[in-house]
N, C-alpha and C. Protein backbone atom coordinates (compact mmCIF):
# COMPACT_ATOMS: atom_id res chain seq x y z
N MET A 1 -51.92 138.07 150.91
CA MET A 1 -52.76 138.26 149.74
C MET A 1 -53.63 139.50 149.89
N ILE A 2 -54.06 139.74 151.12
CA ILE A 2 -54.89 140.93 151.34
C ILE A 2 -54.09 142.20 151.07
N LEU A 3 -52.83 142.21 151.51
CA LEU A 3 -51.99 143.38 151.26
C LEU A 3 -51.75 143.60 149.77
N PHE A 4 -51.55 142.51 149.01
CA PHE A 4 -51.39 142.64 147.57
C PHE A 4 -52.67 143.18 146.94
N ALA A 5 -53.82 142.73 147.39
CA ALA A 5 -55.09 143.21 146.85
C ALA A 5 -55.27 144.70 147.14
N ILE A 6 -54.93 145.10 148.36
CA ILE A 6 -55.02 146.52 148.71
C ILE A 6 -54.07 147.34 147.85
N MET A 7 -52.84 146.84 147.69
CA MET A 7 -51.86 147.54 146.86
C MET A 7 -52.35 147.66 145.42
N ASP A 8 -52.93 146.59 144.91
CA ASP A 8 -53.40 146.61 143.52
C ASP A 8 -54.55 147.60 143.33
N VAL A 9 -55.39 147.75 144.34
CA VAL A 9 -56.48 148.73 144.24
C VAL A 9 -55.91 150.15 144.26
N PHE A 10 -55.02 150.40 145.20
CA PHE A 10 -54.50 151.76 145.36
C PHE A 10 -53.46 152.15 144.31
N ILE A 11 -52.90 151.19 143.60
CA ILE A 11 -51.89 151.54 142.58
C ILE A 11 -52.48 152.45 141.51
N GLY A 12 -53.77 152.30 141.24
CA GLY A 12 -54.42 153.19 140.27
C GLY A 12 -54.39 154.64 140.72
N PHE A 13 -54.63 154.87 142.03
CA PHE A 13 -54.53 156.23 142.57
C PHE A 13 -53.10 156.74 142.45
N PHE A 14 -52.13 155.90 142.78
CA PHE A 14 -50.73 156.31 142.73
C PHE A 14 -50.30 156.61 141.29
N ILE A 15 -50.78 155.82 140.34
CA ILE A 15 -50.44 156.08 138.94
C ILE A 15 -51.00 157.42 138.49
N THR A 16 -52.24 157.72 138.87
CA THR A 16 -52.80 159.02 138.48
C THR A 16 -52.02 160.16 139.13
N LEU A 17 -51.57 159.97 140.38
CA LEU A 17 -50.74 160.99 141.02
C LEU A 17 -49.40 161.15 140.32
N LEU A 18 -48.79 160.03 139.90
CA LEU A 18 -47.52 160.10 139.17
C LEU A 18 -47.70 160.82 137.84
N LEU A 19 -48.76 160.50 137.13
CA LEU A 19 -48.99 161.14 135.83
C LEU A 19 -49.18 162.65 135.99
N LYS A 20 -49.91 163.05 137.00
CA LYS A 20 -50.12 164.48 137.24
C LYS A 20 -48.85 165.15 137.76
N GLY A 21 -48.16 164.49 138.69
CA GLY A 21 -47.01 165.09 139.34
C GLY A 21 -45.75 165.14 138.49
N ILE A 22 -45.46 164.06 137.77
CA ILE A 22 -44.21 164.00 137.01
C ILE A 22 -44.39 164.57 135.61
N TRP A 23 -45.46 164.15 134.93
CA TRP A 23 -45.62 164.54 133.53
C TRP A 23 -46.65 165.65 133.33
N GLY A 24 -47.37 166.03 134.37
CA GLY A 24 -48.37 167.08 134.25
C GLY A 24 -49.54 166.69 133.35
N ILE A 25 -49.86 165.41 133.33
CA ILE A 25 -50.91 164.89 132.47
C ILE A 25 -52.16 164.62 133.30
N VAL A 26 -53.30 165.08 132.80
CA VAL A 26 -54.56 164.67 133.41
C VAL A 26 -54.87 163.29 132.84
N PRO A 27 -54.90 162.26 133.67
CA PRO A 27 -55.09 160.90 133.17
C PRO A 27 -56.39 160.76 132.38
N PRO A 28 -56.30 160.17 131.19
CA PRO A 28 -57.49 160.02 130.36
C PRO A 28 -58.43 158.92 130.85
N TRP A 29 -57.96 158.06 131.72
CA TRP A 29 -58.77 156.95 132.24
C TRP A 29 -59.03 157.14 133.72
N ALA A 30 -60.05 156.45 134.21
CA ALA A 30 -60.33 156.44 135.64
C ALA A 30 -59.25 155.63 136.36
N TRP A 31 -59.07 155.88 137.63
CA TRP A 31 -58.01 155.25 138.42
C TRP A 31 -58.10 153.73 138.39
N TYR A 32 -59.30 153.17 138.39
CA TYR A 32 -59.44 151.72 138.45
C TYR A 32 -58.96 151.02 137.18
N ARG A 33 -58.95 151.72 136.06
CA ARG A 33 -58.39 151.11 134.84
C ARG A 33 -56.88 150.95 134.96
N TYR A 34 -56.24 151.89 135.64
CA TYR A 34 -54.80 151.74 135.88
C TYR A 34 -54.55 150.63 136.91
N SER A 35 -55.45 150.48 137.86
CA SER A 35 -55.31 149.40 138.85
C SER A 35 -55.35 148.04 138.17
N TRP A 36 -56.35 147.80 137.34
CA TRP A 36 -56.43 146.49 136.71
C TRP A 36 -55.30 146.30 135.71
N GLY A 37 -54.89 147.35 135.03
CA GLY A 37 -53.78 147.22 134.08
C GLY A 37 -52.47 146.86 134.75
N PHE A 38 -52.18 147.52 135.87
CA PHE A 38 -50.96 147.20 136.60
C PHE A 38 -51.03 145.79 137.15
N THR A 39 -52.21 145.41 137.68
CA THR A 39 -52.37 144.06 138.23
C THR A 39 -52.16 143.01 137.15
N LEU A 40 -52.72 143.23 135.97
CA LEU A 40 -52.53 142.30 134.85
C LEU A 40 -51.05 142.23 134.47
N ALA A 41 -50.39 143.37 134.39
CA ALA A 41 -48.97 143.39 134.04
C ALA A 41 -48.14 142.66 135.10
N TRP A 42 -48.46 142.88 136.37
CA TRP A 42 -47.73 142.21 137.45
C TRP A 42 -47.93 140.70 137.38
N LEU A 43 -49.17 140.26 137.16
CA LEU A 43 -49.44 138.83 137.08
C LEU A 43 -48.73 138.17 135.90
N LEU A 44 -48.76 138.82 134.76
CA LEU A 44 -48.07 138.25 133.59
C LEU A 44 -46.56 138.19 133.81
N GLY A 45 -46.00 139.21 134.46
CA GLY A 45 -44.58 139.17 134.78
C GLY A 45 -44.25 138.10 135.81
N PHE A 46 -45.18 137.85 136.72
CA PHE A 46 -44.97 136.86 137.77
C PHE A 46 -44.96 135.44 137.21
N VAL A 47 -45.84 135.16 136.27
CA VAL A 47 -45.97 133.78 135.75
C VAL A 47 -45.07 133.50 134.55
N MET A 48 -44.41 134.51 134.02
CA MET A 48 -43.57 134.32 132.84
C MET A 48 -42.30 133.56 133.22
N PRO A 49 -42.10 132.37 132.67
CA PRO A 49 -40.89 131.62 133.01
C PRO A 49 -39.64 132.31 132.44
N GLY A 50 -38.60 132.30 133.22
CA GLY A 50 -37.32 132.84 132.77
C GLY A 50 -37.16 134.33 132.96
N ALA A 51 -38.21 135.03 133.40
CA ALA A 51 -38.11 136.47 133.61
C ALA A 51 -38.04 136.72 135.12
N SER A 52 -36.83 136.95 135.60
CA SER A 52 -36.63 137.16 137.03
C SER A 52 -37.37 138.41 137.50
N GLY A 53 -38.32 138.20 138.38
CA GLY A 53 -39.11 139.33 138.89
C GLY A 53 -39.98 139.97 137.84
N GLY A 54 -40.19 139.30 136.72
CA GLY A 54 -41.01 139.86 135.65
C GLY A 54 -40.35 141.01 134.92
N ILE A 55 -39.02 141.15 135.10
CA ILE A 55 -38.32 142.28 134.50
C ILE A 55 -38.49 142.24 132.98
N GLY A 56 -38.99 143.32 132.45
CA GLY A 56 -39.21 143.43 131.02
C GLY A 56 -40.62 143.05 130.62
N VAL A 57 -41.16 142.01 131.20
CA VAL A 57 -42.51 141.58 130.86
C VAL A 57 -43.52 142.59 131.38
N ARG A 58 -43.42 142.92 132.65
CA ARG A 58 -44.36 143.87 133.25
C ARG A 58 -44.31 145.22 132.54
N GLU A 59 -43.11 145.67 132.24
CA GLU A 59 -42.97 146.96 131.57
C GLU A 59 -43.58 146.93 130.16
N ALA A 60 -43.36 145.83 129.45
CA ALA A 60 -43.91 145.71 128.10
C ALA A 60 -45.44 145.71 128.13
N VAL A 61 -46.01 145.03 129.11
CA VAL A 61 -47.47 145.00 129.23
C VAL A 61 -48.00 146.39 129.58
N ILE A 62 -47.33 147.09 130.48
CA ILE A 62 -47.75 148.45 130.84
C ILE A 62 -47.71 149.36 129.62
N VAL A 63 -46.64 149.30 128.86
CA VAL A 63 -46.53 150.12 127.65
C VAL A 63 -47.61 149.72 126.65
N GLY A 64 -47.85 148.43 126.50
CA GLY A 64 -48.87 147.96 125.57
C GLY A 64 -50.28 148.39 125.97
N LEU A 65 -50.57 148.33 127.26
CA LEU A 65 -51.90 148.69 127.73
C LEU A 65 -52.14 150.20 127.76
N PHE A 66 -51.15 150.95 128.22
CA PHE A 66 -51.35 152.37 128.44
C PHE A 66 -50.77 153.25 127.34
N GLY A 67 -50.00 152.67 126.43
CA GLY A 67 -49.33 153.46 125.39
C GLY A 67 -50.28 154.20 124.48
N SER A 68 -51.41 153.60 124.16
CA SER A 68 -52.33 154.26 123.22
C SER A 68 -53.02 155.47 123.84
N SER A 69 -53.25 155.44 125.15
CA SER A 69 -53.93 156.58 125.78
C SER A 69 -52.97 157.63 126.31
N LEU A 70 -51.79 157.21 126.75
CA LEU A 70 -50.83 158.15 127.33
C LEU A 70 -49.73 158.57 126.37
N GLY A 71 -49.51 157.78 125.36
CA GLY A 71 -48.34 157.95 124.50
C GLY A 71 -47.29 156.95 124.92
N THR A 72 -46.58 156.41 123.96
CA THR A 72 -45.61 155.36 124.25
C THR A 72 -44.51 155.83 125.18
N GLY A 73 -44.03 157.05 124.99
CA GLY A 73 -42.95 157.58 125.83
C GLY A 73 -43.36 157.74 127.28
N VAL A 74 -44.54 158.28 127.51
CA VAL A 74 -45.03 158.45 128.89
C VAL A 74 -45.29 157.09 129.52
N ALA A 75 -45.88 156.17 128.76
CA ALA A 75 -46.14 154.82 129.29
C ALA A 75 -44.83 154.12 129.65
N ALA A 76 -43.81 154.27 128.81
CA ALA A 76 -42.51 153.67 129.11
C ALA A 76 -41.89 154.32 130.35
N GLY A 77 -41.99 155.63 130.45
CA GLY A 77 -41.50 156.33 131.64
C GLY A 77 -42.25 155.90 132.90
N LEU A 78 -43.56 155.73 132.77
CA LEU A 78 -44.36 155.25 133.89
C LEU A 78 -43.92 153.85 134.31
N ALA A 79 -43.68 152.99 133.34
CA ALA A 79 -43.24 151.62 133.65
C ALA A 79 -41.90 151.64 134.39
N ILE A 80 -41.00 152.50 133.97
CA ILE A 80 -39.69 152.59 134.62
C ILE A 80 -39.83 153.13 136.05
N VAL A 81 -40.63 154.17 136.23
CA VAL A 81 -40.83 154.74 137.56
C VAL A 81 -41.48 153.71 138.49
N LEU A 82 -42.48 152.98 137.98
CA LEU A 82 -43.12 151.95 138.80
C LEU A 82 -42.14 150.84 139.16
N ARG A 83 -41.25 150.46 138.24
CA ARG A 83 -40.24 149.45 138.55
C ARG A 83 -39.30 149.96 139.64
N LEU A 84 -38.87 151.21 139.53
CA LEU A 84 -37.98 151.78 140.54
C LEU A 84 -38.65 151.82 141.91
N ILE A 85 -39.92 152.19 141.94
CA ILE A 85 -40.66 152.24 143.21
C ILE A 85 -40.75 150.85 143.83
N THR A 86 -41.03 149.84 143.02
CA THR A 86 -41.15 148.49 143.58
C THR A 86 -39.79 147.96 144.04
N VAL A 87 -38.72 148.30 143.33
CA VAL A 87 -37.39 147.86 143.76
C VAL A 87 -37.03 148.51 145.09
N VAL A 88 -37.30 149.80 145.24
CA VAL A 88 -37.02 150.49 146.50
C VAL A 88 -37.87 149.88 147.62
N GLY A 89 -39.13 149.57 147.32
CA GLY A 89 -39.99 148.93 148.32
C GLY A 89 -39.47 147.56 148.72
N ASP A 90 -38.99 146.78 147.75
CA ASP A 90 -38.41 145.47 148.06
C ASP A 90 -37.17 145.60 148.93
N LEU A 91 -36.30 146.56 148.60
CA LEU A 91 -35.09 146.77 149.40
C LEU A 91 -35.43 147.23 150.82
N LEU A 92 -36.41 148.10 150.94
CA LEU A 92 -36.83 148.57 152.26
C LEU A 92 -37.41 147.42 153.09
N THR A 93 -38.23 146.60 152.46
CA THR A 93 -38.81 145.45 153.15
C THR A 93 -37.72 144.48 153.59
N PHE A 94 -36.75 144.21 152.72
CA PHE A 94 -35.64 143.33 153.06
C PHE A 94 -34.84 143.89 154.24
N THR A 95 -34.57 145.19 154.21
CA THR A 95 -33.80 145.81 155.27
C THR A 95 -34.52 145.73 156.61
N ILE A 96 -35.81 146.04 156.60
CA ILE A 96 -36.59 145.96 157.84
C ILE A 96 -36.63 144.54 158.36
N ALA A 97 -36.87 143.57 157.48
CA ALA A 97 -36.93 142.17 157.90
C ALA A 97 -35.59 141.71 158.44
N SER A 98 -34.49 142.14 157.82
CA SER A 98 -33.16 141.76 158.31
C SER A 98 -32.88 142.35 159.68
N LEU A 99 -33.26 143.60 159.88
CA LEU A 99 -33.05 144.22 161.18
C LEU A 99 -33.89 143.56 162.26
N LEU A 100 -35.12 143.23 161.95
CA LEU A 100 -35.98 142.55 162.92
C LEU A 100 -35.44 141.16 163.23
N ASP A 101 -34.95 140.47 162.23
CA ASP A 101 -34.39 139.13 162.43
C ASP A 101 -33.15 139.19 163.31
N ASP A 102 -32.28 140.19 163.09
CA ASP A 102 -31.09 140.35 163.91
C ASP A 102 -31.44 140.64 165.37
N ASP A 103 -32.46 141.47 165.59
CA ASP A 103 -32.88 141.79 166.96
C ASP A 103 -33.36 140.54 167.69
N ARG A 104 -34.09 139.70 167.04
CA ARG A 104 -34.61 138.49 167.68
C ARG A 104 -33.49 137.49 167.94
N ALA A 105 -32.50 137.44 167.05
CA ALA A 105 -31.40 136.50 167.24
C ALA A 105 -30.55 136.91 168.44
N VAL A 106 -30.39 138.21 168.66
CA VAL A 106 -29.59 138.69 169.77
C VAL A 106 -30.30 138.43 171.09
N LYS A 107 -31.62 138.59 171.13
CA LYS A 107 -32.40 138.40 172.37
C LYS A 107 -32.53 136.94 172.74
N SER A 108 -32.40 136.04 171.80
CA SER A 108 -32.60 134.60 172.09
C SER A 108 -31.50 134.00 172.91
C-alpha cells in the first residue's frame, strides 16, 4: 500500500513530464491535481465490476477529468500512454517475479 501511495503521489510529476515531453504542453494544473485525478481514475477502474484491470474505465475517467483543461485529444493520448506504461510495468514485474521464483526453486 505504501508503494501505491508513493506511486500515486509521483504520478502527477510523471504526467507533467509526459505532457511537456510528448506534446510540448505546459500543464495548466499543478502536479498534485494530476496525482489525485489519476488516483481517482485508477480506483474507479479497480472497483468497476466486469472491467478487467479497469480497461476503458480508467481511460474514460482520465479523459473526463483532464479533457477540459488539456483538450480531449491530448487527454485521450495521455490515457493511452499511461495505460501502456502500466502494462509494461506489470510485464516487467511479472518477469522479475518469475525469474526470482525460478531461482529459488532451483536452489531448494
